[in-house]
Amino acid sequence: IWPPLAAGATLYVPADSVRYSPKDLVSFIQANRITLADVPTPMAEKMLREPWPSGHDLRHLLVGGDKLKSRPPKDA
């Protein structure tokens, strides 16, 4: 958290209702033009199955704790 904040980034913490819904989390990331997200591996896998709108700003999705069992589609 600290390096991005020290560089002037903004920290977004979605509401519980958003954090537990892969679809809502994808929408939240797009609506807030988030470029870097740190998401638990199980949620990341669910998010990768959601349709991502074209033109989203997300450039890096950090996951941790477990190995991803799936990868994003090549056109993502």
N, C-alpha and C. Protein backbone atom coordinates (compact mmCIF):
# COMPACT_ATOMS: atom_id res chain seq x y z
N ILE A 1 0.82 -1.20 0.00
CA ILE A 1 0.00 0.00 0.00
C ILE A 1 0.86 1.26 0.00
N TRP A 2 1.94 1.25 0.78
CA TRP A 2 2.69 2.50 0.98
C TRP A 2 3.42 3.02 -0.26
N PRO A 3 4.09 2.21 -1.05
CA PRO A 3 4.77 2.80 -2.22
C PRO A 3 3.84 3.55 -3.16
N PRO A 4 2.68 3.00 -3.55
CA PRO A 4 1.80 3.79 -4.42
C PRO A 4 1.30 5.07 -3.75
N LEU A 5 0.96 4.99 -2.45
CA LEU A 5 0.50 6.19 -1.77
C LEU A 5 1.59 7.25 -1.71
N ALA A 6 2.82 6.82 -1.46
CA ALA A 6 3.94 7.76 -1.41
C ALA A 6 4.19 8.41 -2.77
N ALA A 7 3.79 7.73 -3.83
CA ALA A 7 3.97 8.26 -5.19
C ALA A 7 2.77 9.08 -5.65
N GLY A 8 1.78 9.25 -4.78
CA GLY A 8 0.63 10.09 -5.11
C GLY A 8 -0.61 9.35 -5.57
N ALA A 9 -0.62 8.03 -5.48
CA ALA A 9 -1.79 7.25 -5.90
C ALA A 9 -2.91 7.38 -4.87
N THR A 10 -4.09 6.92 -5.24
CA THR A 10 -5.26 6.93 -4.38
C THR A 10 -5.60 5.49 -4.01
N LEU A 11 -5.96 5.28 -2.76
CA LEU A 11 -6.36 3.96 -2.28
C LEU A 11 -7.89 3.90 -2.24
N TYR A 12 -8.46 2.94 -2.96
CA TYR A 12 -9.90 2.73 -2.96
C TYR A 12 -10.20 1.47 -2.18
N VAL A 13 -11.15 1.55 -1.25
CA VAL A 13 -11.59 0.39 -0.49
C VAL A 13 -13.09 0.23 -0.74
N PRO A 14 -13.46 -0.76 -1.57
CA PRO A 14 -14.88 -0.92 -1.88
C PRO A 14 -15.68 -1.43 -0.69
N ALA A 15 -16.96 -1.14 -0.71
CA ALA A 15 -17.87 -1.63 0.34
C ALA A 15 -17.92 -3.15 0.32
N ASP A 16 -18.31 -3.74 1.43
CA ASP A 16 -18.40 -5.21 1.52
C ASP A 16 -19.27 -5.79 0.41
N SER A 17 -20.37 -5.13 0.08
CA SER A 17 -21.27 -5.65 -0.95
C SER A 17 -20.58 -5.72 -2.31
N VAL A 18 -19.60 -4.86 -2.54
CA VAL A 18 -18.84 -4.86 -3.80
C VAL A 18 -17.70 -5.87 -3.72
N ARG A 19 -17.02 -5.92 -2.60
CA ARG A 19 -15.86 -6.81 -2.45
C ARG A 19 -16.19 -8.27 -2.61
N TYR A 20 -17.42 -8.67 -2.30
CA TYR A 20 -17.78 -10.08 -2.35
C TYR A 20 -18.48 -10.48 -3.65
N SER A 21 -18.58 -9.54 -4.60
CA SER A 21 -19.23 -9.83 -5.88
C SER A 21 -18.23 -9.59 -7.01
N PRO A 22 -17.80 -10.64 -7.70
CA PRO A 22 -16.84 -10.45 -8.79
C PRO A 22 -17.34 -9.46 -9.85
N LYS A 23 -18.60 -9.55 -10.21
CA LYS A 23 -19.17 -8.66 -11.21
C LYS A 23 -19.13 -7.21 -10.73
N ASP A 24 -19.54 -6.98 -9.49
CA ASP A 24 -19.54 -5.62 -8.94
C ASP A 24 -18.13 -5.09 -8.78
N LEU A 25 -17.19 -5.97 -8.45
CA LEU A 25 -15.81 -5.54 -8.29
C LEU A 25 -15.20 -5.12 -9.63
N VAL A 26 -15.51 -5.85 -10.69
CA VAL A 26 -15.05 -5.47 -12.03
C VAL A 26 -15.63 -4.10 -12.39
N SER A 27 -16.92 -3.89 -12.11
CA SER A 27 -17.55 -2.60 -12.39
C SER A 27 -16.93 -1.48 -11.57
N PHE A 28 -16.63 -1.77 -10.31
CA PHE A 28 -16.01 -0.78 -9.42
C PHE A 28 -14.64 -0.37 -9.95
N ILE A 29 -13.87 -1.35 -10.38
CA ILE A 29 -12.54 -1.07 -10.93
C ILE A 29 -12.65 -0.19 -12.17
N GLN A 30 -13.61 -0.50 -13.02
CA GLN A 30 -13.78 0.31 -14.23
C GLN A 30 -14.29 1.72 -13.88
N ALA A 31 -15.30 1.82 -13.05
CA ALA A 31 -15.90 3.11 -12.72
C ALA A 31 -14.91 4.06 -12.07
N ASN A 32 -14.00 3.52 -11.28
CA ASN A 32 -13.02 4.36 -10.59
C ASN A 32 -11.70 4.48 -11.33
N ARG A 33 -11.63 3.91 -12.53
CA ARG A 33 -10.45 3.98 -13.39
C ARG A 33 -9.20 3.49 -12.65
N ILE A 34 -9.36 2.40 -11.92
CA ILE A 34 -8.27 1.82 -11.14
C ILE A 34 -7.28 1.15 -12.08
N THR A 35 -5.99 1.42 -11.86
CA THR A 35 -4.94 0.88 -12.73
C THR A 35 -4.19 -0.29 -12.09
N LEU A 36 -4.23 -0.42 -10.78
CA LEU A 36 -3.56 -1.50 -10.07
C LEU A 36 -4.48 -2.00 -8.96
N ALA A 37 -4.72 -3.30 -8.92
CA ALA A 37 -5.59 -3.86 -7.89
C ALA A 37 -4.90 -5.06 -7.24
N ASP A 38 -5.08 -5.20 -5.95
CA ASP A 38 -4.55 -6.33 -5.19
C ASP A 38 -5.76 -7.10 -4.67
N VAL A 39 -5.93 -8.31 -5.18
CA VAL A 39 -7.14 -9.10 -4.93
C VAL A 39 -6.74 -10.50 -4.48
N PRO A 40 -7.44 -11.08 -3.51
CA PRO A 40 -7.15 -12.47 -3.13
C PRO A 40 -7.32 -13.40 -4.34
N THR A 41 -6.50 -14.43 -4.40
CA THR A 41 -6.49 -15.33 -5.55
C THR A 41 -7.87 -15.90 -5.88
N PRO A 42 -8.65 -16.41 -4.92
CA PRO A 42 -9.96 -16.96 -5.28
C PRO A 42 -10.88 -15.92 -5.93
N MET A 43 -10.84 -14.67 -5.47
CA MET A 43 -11.67 -13.63 -6.07
C MET A 43 -11.13 -13.27 -7.45
N ALA A 44 -9.82 -13.22 -7.61
CA ALA A 44 -9.23 -12.92 -8.92
C ALA A 44 -9.67 -13.94 -9.96
N GLU A 45 -9.69 -15.21 -9.58
CA GLU A 45 -10.13 -16.25 -10.52
C GLU A 45 -11.58 -16.04 -10.95
N LYS A 46 -12.42 -15.65 -10.02
CA LYS A 46 -13.82 -15.38 -10.34
C LYS A 46 -13.94 -14.13 -11.21
N MET A 47 -13.14 -13.12 -10.91
CA MET A 47 -13.16 -11.89 -11.70
C MET A 47 -12.71 -12.15 -13.14
N LEU A 48 -11.74 -13.03 -13.32
CA LEU A 48 -11.24 -13.32 -14.66
C LEU A 48 -12.28 -14.03 -15.52
N ARG A 49 -13.28 -14.63 -14.90
CA ARG A 49 -14.36 -15.27 -15.64
C ARG A 49 -15.45 -14.29 -16.06
N GLU A 50 -15.42 -13.09 -15.47
CA GLU A 50 -16.40 -12.05 -15.80
C GLU A 50 -16.01 -11.37 -17.11
N PRO A 51 -17.01 -10.87 -17.85
CA PRO A 51 -16.67 -10.08 -19.04
C PRO A 51 -16.11 -8.72 -18.60
N TRP A 52 -14.98 -8.35 -19.17
CA TRP A 52 -14.36 -7.07 -18.87
C TRP A 52 -14.67 -6.11 -20.00
N PRO A 53 -15.14 -4.92 -19.67
CA PRO A 53 -15.44 -3.96 -20.71
C PRO A 53 -14.16 -3.50 -21.42
N SER A 54 -14.28 -3.23 -22.70
CA SER A 54 -13.11 -2.72 -23.42
C SER A 54 -12.80 -1.32 -22.90
N GLY A 55 -11.55 -0.98 -22.95
CA GLY A 55 -11.13 0.35 -22.52
C GLY A 55 -10.96 0.52 -21.02
N HIS A 56 -10.97 -0.58 -20.25
CA HIS A 56 -10.74 -0.44 -18.81
C HIS A 56 -9.29 0.01 -18.58
N ASP A 57 -9.04 0.62 -17.43
CA ASP A 57 -7.72 1.17 -17.12
C ASP A 57 -6.82 0.22 -16.35
N LEU A 58 -7.34 -0.93 -15.92
CA LEU A 58 -6.55 -1.85 -15.11
C LEU A 58 -5.33 -2.34 -15.89
N ARG A 59 -4.16 -2.16 -15.32
CA ARG A 59 -2.90 -2.58 -15.95
C ARG A 59 -2.23 -3.72 -15.20
N HIS A 60 -2.45 -3.79 -13.89
CA HIS A 60 -1.82 -4.82 -13.07
C HIS A 60 -2.84 -5.36 -12.06
N LEU A 61 -2.96 -6.67 -12.02
CA LEU A 61 -3.80 -7.33 -11.04
C LEU A 61 -2.88 -8.20 -10.19
N LEU A 62 -2.67 -7.78 -8.96
CA LEU A 62 -1.81 -8.52 -8.04
C LEU A 62 -2.66 -9.53 -7.28
N VAL A 63 -2.17 -10.74 -7.20
CA VAL A 63 -2.85 -11.78 -6.43
C VAL A 63 -1.82 -12.39 -5.49
N GLY A 64 -2.29 -12.99 -4.44
CA GLY A 64 -1.33 -13.57 -3.52
C GLY A 64 -1.93 -14.70 -2.72
N GLY A 65 -1.06 -15.53 -2.23
CA GLY A 65 -1.49 -16.60 -1.35
C GLY A 65 -1.57 -17.95 -2.03
N ASP A 66 -2.15 -17.99 -3.21
CA ASP A 66 -2.32 -19.24 -3.93
C ASP A 66 -1.96 -19.03 -5.39
N LYS A 67 -1.69 -20.12 -6.08
CA LYS A 67 -1.39 -20.08 -7.51
C LYS A 67 -2.70 -19.94 -8.29
N LEU A 68 -2.71 -19.06 -9.28
CA LEU A 68 -3.88 -18.95 -10.14
C LEU A 68 -4.06 -20.22 -10.94
N LYS A 69 -5.28 -20.71 -11.03
CA LYS A 69 -5.57 -21.91 -11.78
C LYS A 69 -6.03 -21.58 -13.20
N SER A 70 -6.31 -20.32 -13.46
CA SER A 70 -6.73 -19.89 -14.80
C SER A 70 -6.03 -18.58 -15.14
N ARG A 71 -6.01 -18.26 -16.42
CA ARG A 71 -5.37 -17.04 -16.88
C ARG A 71 -6.40 -16.18 -17.58
N PRO A 72 -6.12 -14.87 -17.69
CA PRO A 72 -7.06 -14.02 -18.41
C PRO A 72 -7.09 -14.39 -19.89
N PRO A 73 -8.21 -14.13 -20.55
CA PRO A 73 -8.25 -14.39 -21.99
C PRO A 73 -7.22 -13.56 -22.72
N LYS A 74 -6.74 -14.04 -23.84
CA LYS A 74 -5.71 -13.33 -24.59
C LYS A 74 -6.15 -11.96 -25.06
N ASP A 75 -7.45 -11.76 -25.27
CA ASP A 75 -7.93 -10.46 -25.75
C ASP A 75 -8.24 -9.50 -24.62
N ALA A 76 -7.93 -9.86 -23.38
CA ALA A 76 -8.23 -8.99 -22.23
C ALA A 76 -7.20 -7.90 -22.08
